[in-house]
Amino acid sequence: MTSRDDFIVEITPQVLLKAYSCGIFPMAESADDPALYWIEPQHRGILPLDHVHIPRRLARTIRTTPFVVRIDTDFEGTIDGCAASRPGRRSTWINARIRSLYRELFALGHCHTVEVWDGERLVGGLYGVALGGAFFGESMFSYERDASKIALVHLIARLVAGGFTLLDTQFVTEHLRQFGTIEVDRETFQSKLDAALKVTGDFKRLPCTAAPQDVIALLERSDDA
């Protein structure tokens, strides 16, 4: 991971979007650290949208779960979930400045949330940034089994339906690897990013009311294409 100088000047949403277009994203050392740092990994995780693997058990869960997926209805709840401590992770990189910046991007329509609800309780989700035909995944959380995985599958279907060509996962984890996430070097990532930025993705093309079986069918057709 490469760390650039921390942001001394005031960052605006426009500056942040420019950073994303250059393959750079911000992080904080901890929730209590007011500084932000440019991060540009030597190797980057991406999930190829034309080679997505949905584990059979998860596909069955998505088809039968009573959970409901909503889009862009609760930014605060989603970022709270992503920032919360959990077993194995007592601190978070989401500080007050991160919250404020992505809240502004959300208001501008560049930041999106995919939320998993059990009745009126938010049990999982994720958020990230859409720019051109690229989506930059930022963080996800889960309070119930498979909730974050359900959110990820719905995100992928939304990106496929909307004509996106790049899903940046930043890093590769075992959680992401099972879906087909791979690691590429910085130059390869930037080449894919440059191409994606020339595309106009439509995050809202897939109806928010899309049935779970339709989401799975869409991804199965995409993988077979």
Protein backbone atom coordinates (compact mmCIF):
# COMPACT_ATOMS: atom_id res chain seq x y z
CA MET A 1 0.00 0.00 0.00
CA THR A 2 1.31 3.44 -0.89
CA SER A 3 0.44 6.37 1.35
CA ARG A 4 0.53 9.89 -0.02
CA ASP A 5 0.67 13.13 1.94
CA ASP A 6 -2.30 13.72 4.17
CA PHE A 7 -4.84 16.24 2.94
CA ILE A 8 -3.61 19.61 4.16
CA VAL A 9 -5.95 21.61 1.94
CA GLU A 10 -9.70 21.45 2.24
CA ILE A 11 -11.13 18.54 0.28
CA THR A 12 -14.32 19.02 -1.68
CA PRO A 13 -16.43 16.29 -3.26
CA GLN A 14 -15.05 17.37 -6.63
CA VAL A 15 -11.46 16.90 -5.41
CA LEU A 16 -12.40 13.48 -4.10
CA LEU A 17 -13.92 12.44 -7.43
CA LYS A 18 -10.78 13.61 -9.21
CA ALA A 19 -8.72 11.47 -6.86
CA TYR A 20 -10.87 8.44 -7.68
CA SER A 21 -10.36 9.05 -11.39
CA CYS A 22 -6.60 8.87 -10.75
CA GLY A 23 -6.88 5.58 -8.87
CA ILE A 24 -6.46 7.13 -5.41
CA PHE A 25 -8.81 7.00 -2.44
CA PRO A 26 -8.75 8.44 1.09
CA MET A 27 -8.52 6.69 4.42
CA ALA A 28 -7.91 7.71 8.02
CA GLU A 29 -5.71 5.93 10.54
CA SER A 30 -8.63 5.72 12.96
CA ALA A 31 -11.99 7.26 13.75
CA ASP A 32 -10.26 9.69 16.12
CA ASP A 33 -7.59 10.81 13.66
CA PRO A 34 -8.76 13.97 11.86
CA ALA A 35 -6.27 13.56 8.99
CA LEU A 36 -6.95 11.78 5.72
CA TYR A 37 -4.33 10.04 3.62
CA TRP A 38 -4.09 9.29 -0.08
CA ILE A 39 -3.97 5.56 -0.66
CA GLU A 40 -2.75 4.06 -3.94
CA PRO A 41 -2.12 0.31 -3.56
CA GLN A 42 0.60 -1.31 -5.62
CA HIS A 43 -1.91 -4.10 -6.29
CA ARG A 44 -5.65 -3.61 -6.54
CA GLY A 45 -8.62 -5.88 -6.09
CA ILE A 46 -11.26 -5.88 -8.82
CA LEU A 47 -14.30 -8.07 -9.35
CA PRO A 48 -14.71 -8.75 -13.08
CA LEU A 49 -18.37 -8.11 -13.82
CA ASP A 50 -18.41 -10.62 -16.67
CA HIS A 51 -17.05 -13.46 -14.50
CA VAL A 52 -19.00 -13.28 -11.28
CA HIS A 53 -19.36 -16.44 -9.21
CA ILE A 54 -22.34 -16.73 -6.87
CA PRO A 55 -21.96 -19.66 -4.45
CA ARG A 56 -24.92 -22.02 -4.74
CA ARG A 57 -25.84 -21.82 -1.07
CA LEU A 58 -25.84 -18.03 -1.21
CA ALA A 59 -27.95 -18.00 -4.39
CA ARG A 60 -30.48 -20.21 -2.64
CA THR A 61 -30.44 -17.92 0.40
CA ILE A 62 -31.03 -14.85 -1.77
CA ARG A 63 -34.01 -16.50 -3.47
CA THR A 64 -35.63 -17.48 -0.16
CA THR A 65 -34.55 -14.89 2.39
CA PRO A 66 -37.18 -12.70 4.06
CA PHE A 67 -34.67 -9.83 3.99
CA VAL A 68 -35.53 -6.89 1.74
CA VAL A 69 -32.90 -4.95 -0.21
CA ARG A 70 -33.27 -1.19 -0.51
CA ILE A 71 -31.16 1.30 -2.43
CA ASP A 72 -30.05 4.73 -1.18
CA THR A 73 -32.59 5.02 1.63
CA ASP A 74 -30.36 5.18 4.73
CA PHE A 75 -26.88 6.59 4.23
CA GLU A 76 -26.36 7.34 7.92
CA GLY A 77 -27.39 3.88 9.05
CA THR A 78 -25.18 2.26 6.45
CA ILE A 79 -22.05 4.22 7.28
CA ASP A 80 -22.74 3.68 10.98
CA GLY A 81 -22.78 -0.05 10.34
CA CYS A 82 -19.58 0.10 8.33
CA ALA A 83 -17.86 2.12 11.06
CA ALA A 84 -19.01 0.00 14.00
CA SER A 85 -16.52 -2.11 15.91
CA ARG A 86 -16.90 -5.85 15.58
CA PRO A 87 -15.08 -9.03 16.65
CA GLY A 88 -11.51 -8.83 15.37
CA ARG A 89 -11.74 -5.12 14.62
CA ARG A 90 -12.03 -2.63 17.46
CA SER A 91 -11.22 0.51 15.47
CA THR A 92 -12.33 1.90 12.11
CA TRP A 93 -10.82 4.09 9.42
CA ILE A 94 -14.10 5.99 9.00
CA ASN A 95 -13.62 9.32 10.78
CA ALA A 96 -15.81 12.41 10.89
CA ARG A 97 -14.28 13.86 7.72
CA ILE A 98 -14.92 10.64 5.80
CA ARG A 99 -18.54 10.71 6.92
CA SER A 100 -18.96 14.31 5.87
CA LEU A 101 -17.33 13.88 2.46
CA TYR A 102 -19.31 10.80 1.50
CA ARG A 103 -22.50 12.36 2.81
CA GLU A 104 -21.89 15.19 0.33
CA LEU A 105 -21.19 12.69 -2.46
CA PHE A 106 -24.42 10.90 -1.54
CA ALA A 107 -26.35 14.17 -1.88
CA LEU A 108 -24.73 14.70 -5.30
CA GLY A 109 -25.73 11.20 -6.48
CA HIS A 110 -22.20 9.77 -6.67
CA CYS A 111 -22.23 7.79 -3.43
CA HIS A 112 -24.70 4.92 -3.16
CA THR A 113 -25.85 2.49 -0.50
CA VAL A 114 -27.17 -1.04 -0.86
CA GLU A 115 -29.06 -1.92 2.31
CA VAL A 116 -30.40 -5.21 3.65
CA TRP A 117 -33.40 -4.91 5.95
CA ASP A 118 -35.16 -7.35 8.24
CA GLY A 119 -38.47 -5.59 8.64
CA GLU A 120 -37.53 -2.12 9.87
CA ARG A 121 -34.08 -3.19 11.11
CA LEU A 122 -31.01 -2.56 8.98
CA VAL A 123 -29.00 -5.78 9.20
CA GLY A 124 -26.32 -5.30 6.54
CA GLY A 125 -25.19 -3.28 3.59
CA LEU A 126 -22.43 -1.47 1.79
CA TYR A 127 -21.60 1.87 0.27
CA GLY A 128 -19.37 3.08 -2.55
CA VAL A 129 -18.83 5.66 -5.25
CA ALA A 130 -20.03 5.61 -8.85
CA LEU A 131 -18.07 7.52 -11.46
CA GLY A 132 -18.62 6.94 -15.18
CA GLY A 133 -18.69 3.18 -15.65
CA ALA A 134 -16.67 2.47 -12.50
CA PHE A 135 -17.90 1.68 -9.02
CA PHE A 136 -15.51 1.98 -6.09
CA GLY A 137 -16.59 -0.21 -3.20
CA GLU A 138 -15.73 1.40 0.12
CA SER A 139 -17.02 -0.71 3.00
CA MET A 140 -19.64 -3.26 3.97
CA PHE A 141 -21.10 -4.61 7.18
CA SER A 142 -23.32 -7.40 8.43
CA TYR A 143 -25.28 -7.92 11.63
CA GLU A 144 -26.91 -11.11 10.36
CA ARG A 145 -25.45 -14.06 8.49
CA ASP A 146 -24.96 -13.40 4.76
CA ALA A 147 -26.41 -9.88 4.92
CA SER A 148 -23.30 -8.19 3.46
CA LYS A 149 -23.02 -10.93 0.82
CA ILE A 150 -26.64 -10.34 -0.20
CA ALA A 151 -25.88 -6.64 -0.51
CA LEU A 152 -22.83 -7.36 -2.66
CA VAL A 153 -24.77 -9.63 -5.03
CA HIS A 154 -27.46 -6.98 -5.46
CA LEU A 155 -24.76 -4.38 -6.09
CA ILE A 156 -23.13 -6.53 -8.76
CA ALA A 157 -26.48 -7.10 -10.50
CA ARG A 158 -27.15 -3.38 -10.42
CA LEU A 159 -23.76 -2.63 -11.99
CA VAL A 160 -24.23 -5.26 -14.70
CA ALA A 161 -27.70 -3.97 -15.53
CA GLY A 162 -26.44 -0.39 -15.55
CA GLY A 163 -23.61 -1.00 -18.00
CA PHE A 164 -20.73 -0.55 -15.56
CA THR A 165 -17.43 -2.13 -16.56
CA LEU A 166 -15.32 -1.93 -13.39
CA LEU A 167 -15.95 -2.86 -9.75
CA ASP A 168 -13.02 -1.77 -7.61
CA THR A 169 -12.83 -3.67 -4.31
CA GLN A 170 -9.57 -1.92 -3.33
CA PHE A 171 -8.12 -5.07 -1.76
CA VAL A 172 -8.67 -8.82 -2.04
CA THR A 173 -10.11 -10.73 0.91
CA GLU A 174 -11.36 -14.29 1.23
CA HIS A 175 -14.85 -12.84 1.56
CA LEU A 176 -14.49 -11.22 -1.88
CA ARG A 177 -12.41 -13.92 -3.54
CA GLN A 178 -15.32 -16.38 -3.47
CA PHE A 179 -17.21 -14.08 -5.87
CA GLY A 180 -14.36 -14.00 -8.38
CA THR A 181 -12.33 -11.03 -7.15
CA ILE A 182 -8.80 -10.94 -8.56
CA GLU A 183 -5.73 -8.83 -7.96
CA VAL A 184 -4.15 -6.68 -10.67
CA ASP A 185 -1.15 -4.40 -10.65
CA ARG A 186 -1.45 -0.62 -10.53
CA GLU A 187 -0.86 -0.12 -14.25
CA THR A 188 -3.48 -2.68 -15.25
CA PHE A 189 -5.97 -1.16 -12.83
CA GLN A 190 -5.41 2.34 -14.18
CA SER A 191 -5.89 1.11 -17.74
CA LYS A 192 -9.21 -0.51 -16.80
CA LEU A 193 -10.21 2.60 -14.87
CA ASP A 194 -9.43 4.92 -17.77
CA ALA A 195 -11.62 2.78 -20.03
CA ALA A 196 -14.44 2.66 -17.46
CA LEU A 197 -14.45 6.43 -17.04
CA LYS A 198 -15.41 6.77 -20.71
CA VAL A 199 -18.59 4.76 -20.03
CA THR A 200 -21.81 6.23 -18.65
CA GLY A 201 -23.08 3.77 -16.08
CA ASP A 202 -26.66 3.96 -14.83
CA PHE A 203 -26.89 2.87 -11.20
CA LYS A 204 -30.68 3.23 -11.21
CA ARG A 205 -31.39 1.17 -14.33
CA LEU A 206 -32.23 -1.94 -12.36
CA PRO A 207 -35.56 -1.31 -10.60
CA CYS A 208 -35.32 -1.11 -6.82
CA THR A 209 -38.18 -3.61 -6.75
CA ALA A 210 -36.25 -6.24 -8.73
CA ALA A 211 -37.11 -9.69 -7.37
CA PRO A 212 -34.28 -11.79 -5.88
CA GLN A 213 -34.72 -14.50 -8.52
CA ASP A 214 -34.39 -11.87 -11.25
CA VAL A 215 -31.16 -10.61 -9.68
CA ILE A 216 -29.68 -14.11 -9.68
CA ALA A 217 -30.89 -14.80 -13.24
CA LEU A 218 -29.29 -11.57 -14.46
CA LEU A 219 -25.91 -12.57 -13.07
CA GLU A 220 -26.18 -16.11 -14.39
CA ARG A 221 -26.86 -14.75 -17.89
CA SER A 222 -23.94 -12.33 -17.57
CA ASP A 223 -21.54 -15.11 -16.55
CA ASP A 224 -22.67 -17.27 -19.48
CA ALA A 225 -22.30 -14.48 -22.05
